[in-house]
Amino acid sequence: MHRICEDMRKIKRLWFPGSGRPAILVGANSVTHIEPYSENGQMEAVPWFAIYHRDVIMERVNAAHVASVEYQEG
């Protein structure tokens, strides 16, 4: 199994059940793609998601706040 930042599959949707926040879906609300990356933490790399709107990062989401990741088929 790959870590989120090592998984090369394209992400379709990020889910936030129970938080009151709607899912982030590629193709909706000008979201063109979602890309995982990591930033240095105190002891370990911390996974984040960059949310692109028309190929510009408009939001960064800490992976700790994401309940699940849905990947595109194929």
Protein backbone atom coordinates (compact mmCIF):
# COMPACT_ATOMS: atom_id res chain seq x y z
CA MET A 1 0.00 0.00 0.00
CA HIS A 2 1.27 3.47 -0.90
CA ARG A 3 1.17 6.54 1.30
CA ILE A 4 -1.13 9.28 0.03
CA CYS A 5 1.74 11.37 -1.34
CA GLU A 6 3.25 8.35 -3.13
CA ASP A 7 0.01 7.21 -4.77
CA MET A 8 0.09 8.32 -8.40
CA ARG A 9 -3.64 7.79 -9.09
CA LYS A 10 -5.72 10.89 -9.84
CA ILE A 11 -7.98 12.02 -7.01
CA LYS A 12 -11.66 12.49 -7.80
CA ARG A 13 -13.08 13.62 -4.45
CA LEU A 14 -12.20 14.43 -0.83
CA TRP A 15 -14.88 13.58 1.76
CA PHE A 16 -15.50 15.32 5.10
CA PRO A 17 -18.45 13.36 6.61
CA GLY A 18 -19.79 14.67 9.89
CA SER A 19 -17.94 17.98 9.61
CA GLY A 20 -20.68 19.92 7.85
CA ARG A 21 -18.24 20.68 5.04
CA PRO A 22 -19.25 19.54 1.55
CA ALA A 23 -17.01 17.18 -0.41
CA ILE A 24 -14.46 18.68 -2.80
CA LEU A 25 -15.06 17.19 -6.24
CA VAL A 26 -12.96 17.56 -9.38
CA GLY A 27 -15.17 19.12 -12.04
CA ALA A 28 -17.39 21.01 -9.57
CA ASN A 29 -16.97 24.64 -8.50
CA SER A 30 -14.08 25.19 -10.93
CA VAL A 31 -11.91 22.48 -9.26
CA THR A 32 -9.60 21.18 -11.99
CA HIS A 33 -7.56 18.73 -9.91
CA ILE A 34 -6.52 17.73 -6.40
CA GLU A 35 -2.88 16.98 -5.71
CA PRO A 36 -1.42 15.43 -2.54
CA TYR A 37 1.89 16.73 -1.24
CA SER A 38 3.76 16.92 2.06
CA GLU A 39 5.19 19.72 4.16
CA ASN A 40 7.73 19.39 6.93
CA GLY A 41 6.27 18.92 10.39
CA GLN A 42 8.08 18.80 13.72
CA MET A 43 8.96 15.11 13.50
CA GLU A 44 7.60 13.83 10.18
CA ALA A 45 6.28 15.01 6.84
CA VAL A 46 2.63 16.11 7.09
CA PRO A 47 0.33 15.20 4.16
CA TRP A 48 -1.75 17.97 2.58
CA PHE A 49 -3.97 18.33 -0.47
CA ALA A 50 -3.64 21.24 -2.90
CA ILE A 51 -6.99 22.16 -4.44
CA TYR A 52 -6.59 23.68 -7.90
CA HIS A 53 -9.18 25.99 -9.46
CA ARG A 54 -8.37 26.53 -13.11
CA ASP A 55 -4.80 25.35 -12.45
CA VAL A 56 -4.12 27.79 -9.60
CA ILE A 57 -3.92 26.57 -5.99
CA MET A 58 -6.90 28.15 -4.25
CA GLU A 59 -6.93 26.04 -1.09
CA ARG A 60 -4.73 23.70 0.90
CA VAL A 61 -6.34 21.05 3.10
CA ASN A 62 -4.54 19.16 5.85
CA ALA A 63 -5.10 15.44 5.28
CA ALA A 64 -5.95 15.01 8.97
CA HIS A 65 -9.27 16.76 8.22
CA VAL A 66 -10.20 14.44 5.33
CA ALA A 67 -12.29 11.37 6.14
CA SER A 68 -11.70 9.61 2.82
CA VAL A 69 -10.17 10.01 -0.62
CA GLU A 70 -11.93 8.79 -3.77
CA TYR A 71 -9.79 8.09 -6.83
CA GLN A 72 -10.75 8.37 -10.49
CA GLU A 73 -11.35 5.09 -12.31
CA GLY A 74 -8.86 3.83 -14.82
